[in-house]
Amino acid sequence: MDVYGTDSVVAEKKYDGSPLTIADKRSHEIISRCLRKPLGNNGVHQFPVLSEEGKDIAYGDRAKWEYFWLVDPLDGTKEFIKRNDEFTVNIALIRTNRPILGVIYVPATDTFYFAARGMGSYKLVHQRIAELASWGQIADGSDELFNKITKDAIFLSARGAETRGTALLRVVGSRSHATEQQEAFVNALKKNFDLVEIISAGSSLKFCLVAEGKADIYPRFGPTMEWDTAAGQSIVGESGGEVLSISDRQPLRYNKKDLRNDSFLCKGRFPDSWIIP
């Protein structure tokens, strides 16, 4: 946020030609340092970290990982540069190719989305991460810290379309990456619904809108990387939705040799037949 308030934020270009900011680099350094701190009293390090800004780890090494952190230190760099507040920090814990925990933080609005397998999805508004950290660590196996964090959180449910039926479908799309395929897909949806409403949002906020039930489906036909989707997949999944590869209708998998994702559909809880021919 310090960088966000300055006049010049672009540092260089990423591998794909998209902009890289000073904030990307600083966020990567801070998150990686925190996640690599020794865990507990025995000094054992936590799990390995794979970050967009530190992605050059040989597949032969990371293929051996059962658990690892998957991090996008600044998702929505174009939105960051435009200063429209729609950028996020994404962190997911992966176990055997699937996300089992995810957090998405929206620095500009101080909004925190989080989920863990079997525990549901939640949203905290105006609850500083620093304050959460100040509560300290709770002994392994204790629900005290989790219960304290979720006490004032909003429980998320991706059931908007399920309650409305085919009267209305809300489709959320990228503010910076619209495609002709997306337009064609939306036009096809109009055959099954009385009204199809289009919502635009940047970064991983699209996953969050689906998890909250404020949007029903997020179709993505353009390129994404694993760190773009893992945290959102965890949050959507625990809210009752799904993130499915368009090619095989299976949940996206992680720690592949090629870290690029297939095109996918992120959807709330409603029958696939409503949107899939």
C-alpha atoms as a PDB file:
ATOM      1  CA  MET A   1       0.000   0.000   0.000  1.00  0.00           C
ATOM      2  CA  ASP A   2       3.005   2.283   0.446  1.00  0.00           C
ATOM      3  CA  VAL A   3       3.900   1.676  -3.207  1.00  0.00           C
ATOM      4  CA  TYR A   4       0.244   2.072  -4.245  1.00  0.00           C
ATOM      5  CA  GLY A   5       0.330   5.668  -3.082  1.00  0.00           C
ATOM      6  CA  THR A   6       3.409   6.640  -5.095  1.00  0.00           C
ATOM      7  CA  ASP A   7       3.522   8.171  -8.578  1.00  0.00           C
ATOM      8  CA  SER A   8       5.643   5.440 -10.189  1.00  0.00           C
ATOM      9  CA  VAL A   9       4.884   1.764  -9.459  1.00  0.00           C
ATOM     10  CA  VAL A  10       6.117  -0.177 -12.524  1.00  0.00           C
ATOM     11  CA  ALA A  11       9.542  -1.742 -12.089  1.00  0.00           C
ATOM     12  CA  GLU A  12       9.895  -3.942 -15.206  1.00  0.00           C
ATOM     13  CA  LYS A  13       8.105  -6.529 -17.367  1.00  0.00           C
ATOM     14  CA  LYS A  14       7.213 -10.072 -16.327  1.00  0.00           C
ATOM     15  CA  TYR A  15       8.066 -13.183 -18.378  1.00  0.00           C
ATOM     16  CA  ASP A  16       4.747 -12.846 -20.262  1.00  0.00           C
ATOM     17  CA  GLY A  17       5.137  -9.141 -20.993  1.00  0.00           C
ATOM     18  CA  SER A  18       2.737  -8.005 -18.279  1.00  0.00           C
ATOM     19  CA  PRO A  19       3.897  -5.341 -15.813  1.00  0.00           C
ATOM     20  CA  LEU A  20       5.840  -6.108 -12.656  1.00  0.00           C
ATOM     21  CA  THR A  21       5.716  -3.547  -9.854  1.00  0.00           C
ATOM     22  CA  ILE A  22       7.912  -2.796  -6.898  1.00  0.00           C
ATOM     23  CA  ALA A  23       4.991  -3.979  -4.759  1.00  0.00           C
ATOM     24  CA  ASP A  24       5.080  -7.455  -6.415  1.00  0.00           C
ATOM     25  CA  LYS A  25       8.682  -7.851  -5.334  1.00  0.00           C
ATOM     26  CA  ARG A  26       8.272  -6.510  -1.804  1.00  0.00           C
ATOM     27  CA  SER A  27       5.153  -8.585  -1.173  1.00  0.00           C
ATOM     28  CA  HIS A  28       6.956 -11.713  -2.416  1.00  0.00           C
ATOM     29  CA  GLU A  29       9.874 -11.060  -0.073  1.00  0.00           C
ATOM     30  CA  ILE A  30       7.669 -10.443   2.975  1.00  0.00           C
ATOM     31  CA  ILE A  31       5.349 -13.428   2.442  1.00  0.00           C
ATOM     32  CA  SER A  32       8.165 -15.860   1.622  1.00  0.00           C
ATOM     33  CA  ARG A  33      10.115 -14.776   4.690  1.00  0.00           C
ATOM     34  CA  CYS A  34       7.089 -15.263   6.964  1.00  0.00           C
ATOM     35  CA  LEU A  35       6.103 -18.648   5.527  1.00  0.00           C
ATOM     36  CA  ARG A  36       9.658 -19.947   5.900  1.00  0.00           C
ATOM     37  CA  LYS A  37       9.959 -19.081   9.589  1.00  0.00           C
ATOM     38  CA  PRO A  38      10.646 -22.082  11.842  1.00  0.00           C
ATOM     39  CA  LEU A  39       7.463 -23.788  13.023  1.00  0.00           C
ATOM     40  CA  GLY A  40       7.043 -24.656  16.697  1.00  0.00           C
ATOM     41  CA  ASN A  41       9.749 -25.206  19.288  1.00  0.00           C
ATOM     42  CA  ASN A  42      11.702 -27.837  17.362  1.00  0.00           C
ATOM     43  CA  GLY A  43      12.910 -25.369  14.734  1.00  0.00           C
ATOM     44  CA  VAL A  44      11.478 -27.346  11.825  1.00  0.00           C
ATOM     45  CA  HIS A  45      10.758 -25.185   8.815  1.00  0.00           C
ATOM     46  CA  GLN A  46       7.315 -25.003   7.341  1.00  0.00           C
ATOM     47  CA  PHE A  47       6.471 -26.227   3.862  1.00  0.00           C
ATOM     48  CA  PRO A  48       8.251 -25.099   0.663  1.00  0.00           C
ATOM     49  CA  VAL A  49       7.051 -21.911  -1.031  1.00  0.00           C
ATOM     50  CA  LEU A  50       6.266 -21.573  -4.736  1.00  0.00           C
ATOM     51  CA  SER A  51       5.568 -17.956  -5.640  1.00  0.00           C
ATOM     52  CA  GLU A  52       4.946 -16.178  -8.925  1.00  0.00           C
ATOM     53  CA  GLU A  53       7.999 -14.049  -8.225  1.00  0.00           C
ATOM     54  CA  GLY A  54      10.088 -17.108  -7.293  1.00  0.00           C
ATOM     55  CA  LYS A  55       8.751 -19.712  -9.679  1.00  0.00           C
ATOM     56  CA  ASP A  56      12.000 -21.053 -11.151  1.00  0.00           C
ATOM     57  CA  ILE A  57      12.164 -24.232  -9.080  1.00  0.00           C
ATOM     58  CA  ALA A  58      12.945 -27.389 -11.060  1.00  0.00           C
ATOM     59  CA  TYR A  59       9.980 -29.717 -11.503  1.00  0.00           C
ATOM     60  CA  GLY A  60      12.141 -32.650 -10.390  1.00  0.00           C
ATOM     61  CA  ASP A  61      12.503 -30.958  -7.000  1.00  0.00           C
ATOM     62  CA  ARG A  62       8.943 -29.744  -6.472  1.00  0.00           C
ATOM     63  CA  ALA A  63       7.391 -32.999  -7.758  1.00  0.00           C
ATOM     64  CA  LYS A  64       8.548 -34.548  -4.466  1.00  0.00           C
ATOM     65  CA  TRP A  65       6.540 -32.092  -2.384  1.00  0.00           C
ATOM     66  CA  GLU A  66       3.453 -33.427  -0.600  1.00  0.00           C
ATOM     67  CA  TYR A  67       2.651 -30.016   0.900  1.00  0.00           C
ATOM     68  CA  PHE A  68       3.691 -26.556  -0.282  1.00  0.00           C
ATOM     69  CA  TRP A  69       2.560 -22.956  -0.190  1.00  0.00           C
ATOM     70  CA  LEU A  70       1.464 -21.473  -3.541  1.00  0.00           C
ATOM     71  CA  VAL A  71       1.600 -17.678  -3.539  1.00  0.00           C
ATOM     72  CA  ASP A  72       0.660 -14.794  -5.790  1.00  0.00           C
ATOM     73  CA  PRO A  73       2.086 -11.793  -3.915  1.00  0.00           C
ATOM     74  CA  LEU A  74       0.131  -9.315  -6.070  1.00  0.00           C
ATOM     75  CA  ASP A  75      -2.721 -10.563  -8.241  1.00  0.00           C
ATOM     76  CA  GLY A  76      -4.211  -7.954 -10.551  1.00  0.00           C
ATOM     77  CA  THR A  77      -1.122  -5.888 -11.296  1.00  0.00           C
ATOM     78  CA  LYS A  78      -2.949  -4.043 -14.082  1.00  0.00           C
ATOM     79  CA  GLU A  79      -5.672  -3.063 -11.611  1.00  0.00           C
ATOM     80  CA  PHE A  80      -2.979  -1.994  -9.148  1.00  0.00           C
ATOM     81  CA  ILE A  81      -1.448   0.290 -11.782  1.00  0.00           C
ATOM     82  CA  LYS A  82      -4.891   1.672 -12.676  1.00  0.00           C
ATOM     83  CA  ARG A  83      -5.471   2.292  -8.949  1.00  0.00           C
ATOM     84  CA  ASN A  84      -9.007   0.901  -8.995  1.00  0.00           C
ATOM     85  CA  ASP A  85      -8.462  -1.052  -5.724  1.00  0.00           C
ATOM     86  CA  GLU A  86      -9.215  -4.444  -7.356  1.00  0.00           C
ATOM     87  CA  PHE A  87      -5.972  -6.246  -6.587  1.00  0.00           C
ATOM     88  CA  THR A  88      -5.326  -9.042  -4.103  1.00  0.00           C
ATOM     89  CA  VAL A  89      -2.749 -11.161  -2.311  1.00  0.00           C
ATOM     90  CA  ASN A  90      -3.357 -14.911  -2.770  1.00  0.00           C
ATOM     91  CA  ILE A  91      -1.911 -17.704  -0.628  1.00  0.00           C
ATOM     92  CA  ALA A  92      -2.903 -21.376  -0.802  1.00  0.00           C
ATOM     93  CA  LEU A  93      -1.650 -24.526   0.885  1.00  0.00           C
ATOM     94  CA  ILE A  94      -1.455 -27.417  -1.578  1.00  0.00           C
ATOM     95  CA  ARG A  95      -1.476 -31.084  -0.655  1.00  0.00           C
ATOM     96  CA  THR A  96      -1.020 -33.698  -3.380  1.00  0.00           C
ATOM     97  CA  ASN A  97      -2.148 -31.481  -6.243  1.00  0.00           C
ATOM     98  CA  ARG A  98      -5.205 -29.981  -4.471  1.00  0.00           C
ATOM     99  CA  PRO A  99      -5.628 -26.770  -2.442  1.00  0.00           C
ATOM    100  CA  ILE A 100      -6.626 -27.506   1.155  1.00  0.00           C
ATOM    101  CA  LEU A 101      -6.433 -23.941   2.489  1.00  0.00           C
ATOM    102  CA  GLY A 102      -6.733 -20.568   0.802  1.00  0.00           C
ATOM    103  CA  VAL A 103      -6.634 -16.902   1.717  1.00  0.00           C
ATOM    104  CA  ILE A 104      -7.293 -13.874  -0.462  1.00  0.00           C
ATOM    105  CA  TYR A 105      -6.611 -10.452   1.003  1.00  0.00           C
ATOM    106  CA  VAL A 106      -7.777  -7.192  -0.580  1.00  0.00           C
ATOM    107  CA  PRO A 107      -5.373  -4.537   0.766  1.00  0.00           C
ATOM    108  CA  ALA A 108      -7.217  -1.476  -0.563  1.00  0.00           C
ATOM    109  CA  THR A 109     -10.448  -2.370   1.248  1.00  0.00           C
ATOM    110  CA  ASP A 110      -8.914  -4.369   4.121  1.00  0.00           C
ATOM    111  CA  THR A 111     -11.063  -7.394   3.292  1.00  0.00           C
ATOM    112  CA  PHE A 112      -9.913 -10.915   4.073  1.00  0.00           C
ATOM    113  CA  TYR A 113     -11.388 -14.099   2.539  1.00  0.00           C
ATOM    114  CA  PHE A 114     -10.265 -17.483   3.839  1.00  0.00           C
ATOM    115  CA  ALA A 115     -11.169 -21.156   3.785  1.00  0.00           C
ATOM    116  CA  ALA A 116      -9.818 -24.534   4.843  1.00  0.00           C
ATOM    117  CA  ARG A 117     -10.928 -28.012   3.878  1.00  0.00           C
ATOM    118  CA  GLY A 118     -13.922 -29.089   5.925  1.00  0.00           C
ATOM    119  CA  MET A 119     -14.145 -25.754   7.771  1.00  0.00           C
ATOM    120  CA  GLY A 120     -16.098 -23.561   5.338  1.00  0.00           C
ATOM    121  CA  SER A 121     -15.374 -20.209   3.691  1.00  0.00           C
ATOM    122  CA  TYR A 122     -15.392 -16.861   5.469  1.00  0.00           C
ATOM    123  CA  LYS A 123     -14.995 -13.125   4.961  1.00  0.00           C
ATOM    124  CA  LEU A 124     -13.617 -10.610   7.432  1.00  0.00           C
ATOM    125  CA  VAL A 125     -14.017  -6.893   6.779  1.00  0.00           C
ATOM    126  CA  HIS A 126     -11.738  -4.254   8.337  1.00  0.00           C
ATOM    127  CA  GLN A 127      -9.886  -6.827  10.431  1.00  0.00           C
ATOM    128  CA  ARG A 128      -6.179  -6.099  10.123  1.00  0.00           C
ATOM    129  CA  ILE A 129      -3.884  -9.060   9.544  1.00  0.00           C
ATOM    130  CA  ALA A 130      -1.481  -7.550  12.051  1.00  0.00           C
ATOM    131  CA  GLU A 131      -4.189  -7.799  14.700  1.00  0.00           C
ATOM    132  CA  LEU A 132      -4.790 -11.459  13.895  1.00  0.00           C
ATOM    133  CA  ALA A 133      -1.076 -12.157  14.148  1.00  0.00           C
ATOM    134  CA  SER A 134      -0.894 -10.379  17.522  1.00  0.00           C
ATOM    135  CA  TRP A 135      -3.203 -13.016  18.990  1.00  0.00           C
ATOM    136  CA  GLY A 136      -0.303 -15.439  18.829  1.00  0.00           C
ATOM    137  CA  GLN A 137      -0.106 -19.149  18.146  1.00  0.00           C
ATOM    138  CA  ILE A 138      -2.438 -21.665  19.713  1.00  0.00           C
ATOM    139  CA  ALA A 139      -1.326 -25.194  20.551  1.00  0.00           C
ATOM    140  CA  ASP A 140      -1.746 -27.794  17.812  1.00  0.00           C
ATOM    141  CA  GLY A 141      -5.196 -29.370  17.792  1.00  0.00           C
ATOM    142  CA  SER A 142      -6.876 -26.386  19.453  1.00  0.00           C
ATOM    143  CA  ASP A 143      -9.862 -24.682  17.802  1.00  0.00           C
ATOM    144  CA  GLU A 144      -9.473 -21.583  19.968  1.00  0.00           C
ATOM    145  CA  LEU A 145      -7.739 -19.358  17.426  1.00  0.00           C
ATOM    146  CA  PHE A 146      -9.954 -20.492  14.546  1.00  0.00           C
ATOM    147  CA  ASN A 147     -13.096 -19.854  16.599  1.00  0.00           C
ATOM    148  CA  LYS A 148     -11.812 -16.437  17.609  1.00  0.00           C
ATOM    149  CA  ILE A 149     -11.115 -15.437  14.003  1.00  0.00           C
ATOM    150  CA  THR A 150     -14.449 -16.715  12.676  1.00  0.00           C
ATOM    151  CA  LYS A 151     -16.576 -15.258  15.484  1.00  0.00           C
ATOM    152  CA  ASP A 152     -17.035 -11.965  13.654  1.00  0.00           C
ATOM    153  CA  ALA A 153     -16.609 -13.341  10.130  1.00  0.00           C
ATOM    154  CA  ILE A 154     -19.290 -13.727   7.473  1.00  0.00           C
ATOM    155  CA  PHE A 155     -19.917 -17.353   6.454  1.00  0.00           C
ATOM    156  CA  LEU A 156     -19.932 -17.639   2.650  1.00  0.00           C
ATOM    157  CA  SER A 157     -22.358 -19.675   0.559  1.00  0.00           C
ATOM    158  CA  ALA A 158     -22.264 -19.872  -3.237  1.00  0.00           C
ATOM    159  CA  ARG A 159     -25.979 -20.609  -3.578  1.00  0.00           C
ATOM    160  CA  GLY A 160     -27.333 -17.514  -5.334  1.00  0.00           C
ATOM    161  CA  ALA A 161     -28.451 -19.198  -8.552  1.00  0.00           C
ATOM    162  CA  GLU A 162     -29.684 -22.268  -6.707  1.00  0.00           C
ATOM    163  CA  THR A 163     -32.210 -20.104  -4.860  1.00  0.00           C
ATOM    164  CA  ARG A 164     -33.240 -18.093  -7.940  1.00  0.00           C
ATOM    165  CA  GLY A 165     -33.530 -20.929 -10.435  1.00  0.00           C
ATOM    166  CA  THR A 166     -33.267 -19.968 -14.098  1.00  0.00           C
ATOM    167  CA  ALA A 167     -34.758 -16.506 -13.636  1.00  0.00           C
ATOM    168  CA  LEU A 168     -31.363 -14.799 -13.315  1.00  0.00           C
ATOM    169  CA  LEU A 169     -27.719 -15.770 -13.734  1.00  0.00           C
ATOM    170  CA  ARG A 170     -24.922 -13.409 -12.737  1.00  0.00           C
ATOM    171  CA  VAL A 171     -21.720 -13.874 -14.740  1.00  0.00           C
ATOM    172  CA  VAL A 172     -18.522 -12.257 -13.520  1.00  0.00           C
ATOM    173  CA  GLY A 173     -15.694 -11.616 -15.949  1.00  0.00           C
ATOM    174  CA  SER A 174     -12.240 -10.109 -15.983  1.00  0.00           C
ATOM    175  CA  ARG A 175     -12.004  -6.358 -16.117  1.00  0.00           C
ATOM    176  CA  SER A 176      -8.744  -6.608 -18.103  1.00  0.00           C
ATOM    177  CA  HIS A 177      -8.903  -9.958 -19.949  1.00  0.00           C
ATOM    178  CA  ALA A 178     -12.226 -10.273 -21.804  1.00  0.00           C
ATOM    179  CA  THR A 179     -12.220 -12.694 -24.779  1.00  0.00           C
ATOM    180  CA  GLU A 180     -14.455 -13.558 -27.731  1.00  0.00           C
ATOM    181  CA  GLN A 181     -14.922 -17.048 -26.245  1.00  0.00           C
ATOM    182  CA  GLN A 182     -16.273 -15.502 -23.077  1.00  0.00           C
ATOM    183  CA  GLU A 183     -18.748 -13.424 -25.084  1.00  0.00           C
ATOM    184  CA  ALA A 184     -19.900 -16.496 -27.024  1.00  0.00           C
ATOM    185  CA  PHE A 185     -20.299 -18.464 -23.794  1.00  0.00           C
ATOM    186  CA  VAL A 186     -22.442 -15.714 -22.266  1.00  0.00           C
ATOM    187  CA  ASN A 187     -24.626 -15.619 -25.369  1.00  0.00           C
ATOM    188  CA  ALA A 188     -25.153 -19.384 -25.078  1.00  0.00           C
ATOM    189  CA  LEU A 189     -26.222 -18.976 -21.437  1.00  0.00           C
ATOM    190  CA  LYS A 190     -28.972 -16.589 -22.477  1.00  0.00           C
ATOM    191  CA  LYS A 191     -30.838 -19.544 -24.004  1.00  0.00           C
ATOM    192  CA  ASN A 192     -31.292 -21.114 -20.550  1.00  0.00           C
ATOM    193  CA  PHE A 193     -31.933 -18.069 -18.368  1.00  0.00           C
ATOM    194  CA  ASP A 194     -34.529 -15.325 -18.412  1.00  0.00           C
ATOM    195  CA  LEU A 195     -31.847 -12.757 -17.632  1.00  0.00           C
ATOM    196  CA  VAL A 196     -28.035 -12.944 -17.712  1.00  0.00           C
ATOM    197  CA  GLU A 197     -26.353 -10.123 -15.817  1.00  0.00           C
ATOM    198  CA  ILE A 198     -22.689  -9.290 -16.451  1.00  0.00           C
ATOM    199  CA  ILE A 199     -20.404  -8.150 -13.618  1.00  0.00           C
ATOM    200  CA  SER A 200     -16.801  -7.006 -14.096  1.00  0.00           C
ATOM    201  CA  ALA A 201     -14.105  -7.440 -11.479  1.00  0.00           C
ATOM    202  CA  GLY A 202     -10.318  -7.614 -11.343  1.00  0.00           C
ATOM    203  CA  SER A 203      -7.903 -10.178  -9.908  1.00  0.00           C
ATOM    204  CA  SER A 204      -9.147 -13.012  -7.670  1.00  0.00           C
ATOM    205  CA  LEU A 205     -12.123 -10.947  -6.579  1.00  0.00           C
ATOM    206  CA  LYS A 206     -14.094 -12.907  -9.197  1.00  0.00           C
ATOM    207  CA  PHE A 207     -13.695 -16.097  -7.151  1.00  0.00           C
ATOM    208  CA  CYS A 208     -14.724 -14.209  -4.023  1.00  0.00           C
ATOM    209  CA  LEU A 209     -17.902 -12.904  -5.650  1.00  0.00           C
ATOM    210  CA  VAL A 210     -18.882 -16.460  -6.609  1.00  0.00           C
ATOM    211  CA  ALA A 211     -18.131 -17.722  -3.093  1.00  0.00           C
ATOM    212  CA  GLU A 212     -20.306 -14.959  -1.620  1.00  0.00           C
ATOM    213  CA  GLY A 213     -23.187 -15.734  -3.961  1.00  0.00           C
ATOM    214  CA  LYS A 214     -22.969 -12.257  -5.480  1.00  0.00           C
ATOM    215  CA  ALA A 215     -22.004 -13.871  -8.808  1.00  0.00           C
ATOM    216  CA  ASP A 216     -22.916 -17.331 -10.029  1.00  0.00           C
ATOM    217  CA  ILE A 217     -20.283 -18.225 -12.587  1.00  0.00           C
ATOM    218  CA  TYR A 218     -16.846 -17.044 -13.666  1.00  0.00           C
ATOM    219  CA  PRO A 219     -15.802 -18.498 -17.052  1.00  0.00           C
ATOM    220  CA  ARG A 220     -12.118 -18.113 -17.875  1.00  0.00           C
ATOM    221  CA  PHE A 221     -10.915 -18.888 -21.391  1.00  0.00           C
ATOM    222  CA  GLY A 222      -7.686 -16.907 -21.318  1.00  0.00           C
ATOM    223  CA  PRO A 223      -4.377 -18.036 -19.800  1.00  0.00           C
ATOM    224  CA  THR A 224      -3.899 -18.239 -16.036  1.00  0.00           C
ATOM    225  CA  MET A 225      -1.212 -19.708 -13.810  1.00  0.00           C
ATOM    226  CA  GLU A 226      -1.597 -21.973 -10.796  1.00  0.00           C
ATOM    227  CA  TRP A 227      -0.965 -19.157  -8.304  1.00  0.00           C
ATOM    228  CA  ASP A 228      -3.821 -17.180  -9.881  1.00  0.00           C
ATOM    229  CA  THR A 229      -6.447 -19.775  -8.962  1.00  0.00           C
ATOM    230  CA  ALA A 230      -5.458 -22.001  -6.026  1.00  0.00           C
ATOM    231  CA  ALA A 231      -6.620 -19.781  -3.156  1.00  0.00           C
ATOM    232  CA  GLY A 232      -9.815 -18.911  -4.993  1.00  0.00           C
ATOM    233  CA  GLN A 233     -10.505 -22.574  -5.710  1.00  0.00           C
ATOM    234  CA  SER A 234     -10.258 -23.369  -2.006  1.00  0.00           C
ATOM    235  CA  ILE A 235     -12.595 -20.520  -1.038  1.00  0.00           C
ATOM    236  CA  VAL A 236     -15.157 -21.317  -3.751  1.00  0.00           C
ATOM    237  CA  GLY A 237     -15.024 -25.041  -3.009  1.00  0.00           C
ATOM    238  CA  GLU A 238     -15.665 -24.613   0.700  1.00  0.00           C
ATOM    239  CA  SER A 239     -18.577 -22.266  -0.056  1.00  0.00           C
ATOM    240  CA  GLY A 240     -20.294 -25.008  -2.057  1.00  0.00           C
ATOM    241  CA  GLY A 241     -19.062 -24.136  -5.542  1.00  0.00           C
ATOM    242  CA  GLU A 242     -16.554 -25.674  -7.935  1.00  0.00           C
ATOM    243  CA  VAL A 243     -13.632 -24.692 -10.168  1.00  0.00           C
ATOM    244  CA  LEU A 244     -13.589 -27.113 -13.093  1.00  0.00           C
ATOM    245  CA  SER A 245     -11.339 -27.514 -16.102  1.00  0.00           C
ATOM    246  CA  ILE A 246     -13.377 -27.016 -19.274  1.00  0.00           C
ATOM    247  CA  SER A 247     -11.506 -29.851 -21.006  1.00  0.00           C
ATOM    248  CA  ASP A 248     -12.413 -32.664 -18.583  1.00  0.00           C
ATOM    249  CA  ARG A 249     -14.859 -31.103 -16.061  1.00  0.00           C
ATOM    250  CA  GLN A 250     -12.505 -32.032 -13.203  1.00  0.00           C
ATOM    251  CA  PRO A 251     -11.193 -29.699 -10.457  1.00  0.00           C
ATOM    252  CA  LEU A 252      -8.006 -27.867 -11.397  1.00  0.00           C
ATOM    253  CA  ARG A 253      -4.846 -29.688 -10.305  1.00  0.00           C
ATOM    254  CA  TYR A 254      -1.644 -28.116  -9.001  1.00  0.00           C
ATOM    255  CA  ASN A 255       2.120 -28.595  -9.071  1.00  0.00           C
ATOM    256  CA  LYS A 256       2.003 -29.726 -12.684  1.00  0.00           C
ATOM    257  CA  LYS A 257       5.152 -29.729 -14.767  1.00  0.00           C
ATOM    258  CA  ASP A 258       3.628 -26.847 -16.732  1.00  0.00           C
ATOM    259  CA  LEU A 259       2.226 -24.378 -14.203  1.00  0.00           C
ATOM    260  CA  ARG A 260      -0.323 -22.989 -16.644  1.00  0.00           C
ATOM    261  CA  ASN A 261      -4.006 -23.796 -16.093  1.00  0.00           C
ATOM    262  CA  ASP A 262      -6.525 -25.060 -18.602  1.00  0.00           C
ATOM    263  CA  SER A 263      -9.504 -22.845 -19.346  1.00  0.00           C
ATOM    264  CA  PHE A 264     -11.966 -23.272 -16.495  1.00  0.00           C
ATOM    265  CA  LEU A 265     -15.427 -22.584 -15.128  1.00  0.00           C
ATOM    266  CA  CYS A 266     -15.779 -21.330 -11.579  1.00  0.00           C
ATOM    267  CA  LYS A 267     -19.399 -21.888 -10.595  1.00  0.00           C
ATOM    268  CA  GLY A 268     -21.675 -21.718  -7.601  1.00  0.00           C
ATOM    269  CA  ARG A 269     -23.923 -24.493  -6.338  1.00  0.00           C
ATOM    270  CA  PHE A 270     -26.429 -25.292  -9.071  1.00  0.00           C
ATOM    271  CA  PRO A 271     -26.867 -28.076 -11.659  1.00  0.00           C
ATOM    272  CA  ASP A 272     -24.181 -28.312 -14.359  1.00  0.00           C
ATOM    273  CA  SER A 273     -26.924 -28.855 -16.922  1.00  0.00           C
ATOM    274  CA  TRP A 274     -27.897 -25.194 -16.545  1.00  0.00           C
ATOM    275  CA  ILE A 275     -24.639 -24.019 -18.088  1.00  0.00           C
ATOM    276  CA  ILE A 276     -23.019 -27.029 -19.800  1.00  0.00           C
ATOM    277  CA  PRO A 277     -24.555 -28.301 -23.056  1.00  0.00           C
END
